[in-house]
Amino acid sequence: MGRVLLKVIILGDSGVGKTSLMNQYVNKRFSNQYKATIGADFLTKEVMVDDRLVTMQLWDTAGQERFQSLGVAYYRGADCCVLVYDVNSAKSFETLDSWRDEFLIQASPHDPENFPFVVLGNKIDVEENKRQVTQKRAMTWCQSKGNIPYFETSAKEAINVEQAFQTVSKNCTATRSRRTTIDRESTQNYGCNC
């Protein structure tokens, strides 16, 4: 059995912590220096999923509007999409709908209804009185979109980052297996020349 490569796209507004989450997960590092991502960048991490070695290719995309047109090229062939918002910014939460919709339009996945998304509410390390999005509000949104898995994270304190990306890799792998089975079944013509 060959190596499995999973393409994971990380989306969300500028400044919500996409790069920091990715760096914390892959390199176990956090930097207080903010540097906006230009275009897109990716890191890889090898993980074991159900006794199989899987290479996750994590694509970190620019959150700024001016780079959104680049999305098409990066989104194609994605196995999973991680939507990130900052729990201390209501605006970053409210744009999750448009990030999700834009991804589904641009990536045009095989089965959009069952495409695996994971939502991360980041920056839970910031003091409680700055919080603008409750856990209940986020969970309600995730349930309304087909029970999307939800994690509250802190890239800075490494809270729930590992657990969130384990769920990402499991969901990607499960969807990829289902898709491969469906593709195989639909390409068999059972002896007819149609």
Protein backbone atom coordinates (compact mmCIF):
# COMPACT_ATOMS: atom_id res chain seq x y z
CA MET A 1 0.00 0.00 0.00
CA GLY A 2 1.45 3.37 -1.06
CA ARG A 3 1.90 6.48 0.96
CA VAL A 4 -1.20 8.60 1.45
CA LEU A 5 -0.93 12.35 0.86
CA LEU A 6 -3.68 14.49 2.33
CA LYS A 7 -4.13 18.09 1.24
CA VAL A 8 -5.57 20.28 3.99
CA ILE A 9 -6.54 23.91 3.37
CA ILE A 10 -6.61 26.34 6.31
CA LEU A 11 -8.93 29.32 5.80
CA GLY A 12 -10.07 32.33 7.81
CA ASP A 13 -9.68 36.07 8.14
CA SER A 14 -6.32 37.75 8.37
CA GLY A 15 -4.84 37.67 11.89
CA VAL A 16 -6.93 34.81 13.35
CA GLY A 17 -3.85 32.60 13.84
CA LYS A 18 -3.80 30.24 10.84
CA THR A 19 0.00 30.36 10.44
CA SER A 20 0.53 30.11 14.21
CA LEU A 21 -1.73 27.04 14.48
CA MET A 22 0.09 25.35 11.60
CA ASN A 23 3.52 26.16 13.07
CA GLN A 24 2.46 24.96 16.52
CA TYR A 25 1.18 21.67 15.09
CA VAL A 26 4.10 20.95 12.74
CA ASN A 27 7.07 22.58 14.52
CA LYS A 28 5.82 22.94 18.13
CA ARG A 29 6.69 26.65 17.90
CA PHE A 30 4.86 29.92 18.47
CA SER A 31 6.02 33.41 17.54
CA ASN A 32 4.57 36.69 18.82
CA GLN A 33 5.75 38.42 15.63
CA TYR A 34 2.85 38.82 13.23
CA LYS A 35 3.73 38.53 9.57
CA ALA A 36 0.87 38.37 7.07
CA THR A 37 0.95 35.39 4.71
CA ILE A 38 1.36 36.49 1.09
CA GLY A 39 -0.49 34.15 -1.26
CA ALA A 40 -0.07 30.71 0.30
CA ASP A 41 2.51 28.51 1.94
CA PHE A 42 2.50 24.89 3.09
CA LEU A 43 4.13 22.63 5.64
CA THR A 44 4.02 18.84 5.78
CA LYS A 45 3.71 16.50 8.73
CA GLU A 46 3.73 12.71 8.80
CA VAL A 47 1.15 11.13 11.08
CA MET A 48 -0.21 7.66 11.77
CA VAL A 49 -3.92 7.23 11.07
CA ASP A 50 -5.40 3.79 11.72
CA ASP A 51 -1.96 2.13 11.40
CA ARG A 52 -1.22 3.89 8.10
CA LEU A 53 1.48 6.47 7.54
CA VAL A 54 -0.11 9.61 6.18
CA THR A 55 1.61 12.78 4.96
CA MET A 56 -0.50 15.83 5.69
CA GLN A 57 0.18 18.80 3.44
CA LEU A 58 -1.15 21.82 5.36
CA TRP A 59 -1.84 24.83 3.15
CA ASP A 60 -1.81 28.17 4.91
CA THR A 61 -3.61 30.79 2.85
CA ALA A 62 -3.67 34.58 2.98
CA GLY A 63 -6.68 35.92 4.85
CA GLN A 64 -6.71 39.25 3.03
CA GLU A 65 -9.40 39.86 0.42
CA ARG A 66 -6.84 40.88 -2.22
CA PHE A 67 -5.39 37.37 -2.25
CA GLN A 68 -8.69 35.47 -2.35
CA SER A 69 -8.59 35.15 -6.14
CA LEU A 70 -5.52 32.91 -5.72
CA GLY A 71 -7.73 30.44 -3.89
CA VAL A 72 -8.85 28.37 -6.86
CA ALA A 73 -5.41 26.90 -7.54
CA TYR A 74 -4.79 26.11 -3.88
CA TYR A 75 -8.23 24.68 -3.08
CA ARG A 76 -8.37 22.13 -5.91
CA GLY A 77 -7.77 18.56 -4.80
CA ALA A 78 -8.22 19.37 -1.11
CA ASP A 79 -9.14 16.47 1.18
CA CYS A 80 -10.23 18.64 4.12
CA CYS A 81 -10.75 22.31 4.99
CA VAL A 82 -10.02 23.88 8.37
CA LEU A 83 -11.96 27.09 9.07
CA VAL A 84 -10.34 29.31 11.70
CA TYR A 85 -11.72 32.32 13.55
CA ASP A 86 -10.62 34.34 16.57
CA VAL A 87 -12.97 33.88 19.57
CA ASN A 88 -12.25 37.54 20.43
CA SER A 89 -13.47 38.83 17.05
CA ALA A 90 -17.14 38.48 16.11
CA LYS A 91 -16.34 39.62 12.55
CA SER A 92 -13.90 36.75 12.00
CA PHE A 93 -16.63 34.31 13.11
CA GLU A 94 -19.30 35.91 10.92
CA THR A 95 -17.15 35.47 7.79
CA LEU A 96 -16.92 31.66 8.25
CA ASP A 97 -19.99 31.26 6.04
CA SER A 98 -18.38 33.08 3.14
CA TRP A 99 -15.06 31.22 3.59
CA ARG A 100 -16.93 27.89 3.56
CA ASP A 101 -19.09 28.83 0.56
CA GLU A 102 -16.11 30.20 -1.39
CA PHE A 103 -14.16 27.01 -0.71
CA LEU A 104 -17.01 24.78 -1.92
CA ILE A 105 -17.42 26.86 -5.09
CA GLN A 106 -13.69 27.01 -5.91
CA ALA A 107 -12.70 23.47 -4.88
CA SER A 108 -15.90 21.93 -6.28
CA PRO A 109 -15.45 18.70 -4.27
CA HIS A 110 -16.93 15.39 -5.43
CA ASP A 111 -19.52 15.33 -2.61
CA PRO A 112 -19.96 18.87 -1.19
CA GLU A 113 -22.64 17.75 1.31
CA ASN A 114 -20.21 15.42 3.08
CA PHE A 115 -16.93 17.26 2.50
CA PRO A 116 -14.93 17.28 5.77
CA PHE A 117 -14.58 20.65 7.46
CA VAL A 118 -13.20 21.30 10.94
CA VAL A 119 -13.74 24.63 12.75
CA LEU A 120 -11.18 26.09 15.15
CA GLY A 121 -12.02 28.95 17.51
CA ASN A 122 -8.51 30.21 18.20
CA LYS A 123 -6.91 32.54 20.78
CA ILE A 124 -8.70 31.17 23.85
CA ASP A 125 -5.59 32.18 25.85
CA VAL A 126 -6.71 35.85 25.70
CA GLU A 127 -8.50 36.94 28.89
CA GLU A 128 -12.15 35.91 29.11
CA ASN A 129 -13.62 39.45 29.13
CA LYS A 130 -12.29 40.07 25.58
CA ARG A 131 -14.19 37.08 24.17
CA GLN A 132 -16.88 37.98 21.62
CA VAL A 133 -18.00 34.55 20.36
CA THR A 134 -19.38 32.04 22.86
CA GLN A 135 -18.68 28.34 22.55
CA LYS A 136 -22.45 27.73 22.31
CA ARG A 137 -22.81 30.12 19.35
CA ALA A 138 -19.94 28.43 17.49
CA MET A 139 -21.25 24.93 18.21
CA THR A 140 -24.73 25.90 17.01
CA TRP A 141 -23.22 27.17 13.73
CA CYS A 142 -21.22 23.94 13.30
CA GLN A 143 -24.30 21.79 13.96
CA SER A 144 -26.30 23.77 11.41
CA LYS A 145 -23.65 22.97 8.77
CA GLY A 146 -23.86 19.20 9.21
CA ASN A 147 -22.18 18.68 12.59
CA ILE A 148 -18.76 20.06 11.71
CA PRO A 149 -16.23 19.08 14.42
CA TYR A 150 -15.37 22.12 16.58
CA PHE A 151 -12.34 22.83 18.75
CA GLU A 152 -11.38 25.83 20.83
CA THR A 153 -7.64 26.30 20.49
CA SER A 154 -4.67 28.38 21.49
CA ALA A 155 -1.70 28.26 19.14
CA LYS A 156 0.23 30.25 21.76
CA GLU A 157 -0.40 27.83 24.64
CA ALA A 158 -0.66 24.71 22.42
CA ILE A 159 -4.19 23.99 23.68
CA ASN A 160 -6.22 21.47 21.60
CA VAL A 161 -3.98 21.97 18.54
CA GLU A 162 -2.80 18.36 18.39
CA GLN A 163 -6.33 17.01 19.03
CA ALA A 164 -7.86 19.25 16.34
CA PHE A 165 -5.41 18.15 13.66
CA GLN A 166 -5.80 14.48 14.66
CA THR A 167 -9.50 14.90 13.89
CA VAL A 168 -8.59 16.60 10.60
CA SER A 169 -6.37 13.67 9.54
CA LYS A 170 -8.98 11.05 10.57
CA ASN A 171 -11.81 12.85 8.75
CA CYS A 172 -9.67 13.36 5.63
CA THR A 173 -8.66 9.70 5.55
CA ALA A 174 -12.24 8.47 6.07
CA THR A 175 -13.59 10.69 3.29
CA ARG A 176 -10.78 9.76 0.93
CA SER A 177 -11.52 6.01 1.52
CA ARG A 178 -15.24 6.54 0.83
CA ARG A 179 -14.46 8.57 -2.31
CA THR A 180 -12.06 5.93 -3.65
CA THR A 181 -14.68 3.20 -3.15
CA ILE A 182 -17.36 5.27 -4.92
CA ASP A 183 -14.99 6.13 -7.80
CA ARG A 184 -14.05 2.47 -8.23
CA GLU A 185 -17.71 1.41 -8.29
CA SER A 186 -18.69 4.09 -10.81
CA THR A 187 -15.85 3.20 -13.22
CA GLN A 188 -16.80 -0.48 -13.42
CA ASN A 189 -19.07 -0.97 -16.41
CA TYR A 190 -19.99 -4.59 -15.62
CA GLY A 191 -19.24 -5.81 -19.14
CA CYS A 192 -21.41 -3.39 -21.08
CA ASN A 193 -19.87 -0.88 -23.49
CA CYS A 194 -21.83 2.14 -22.31
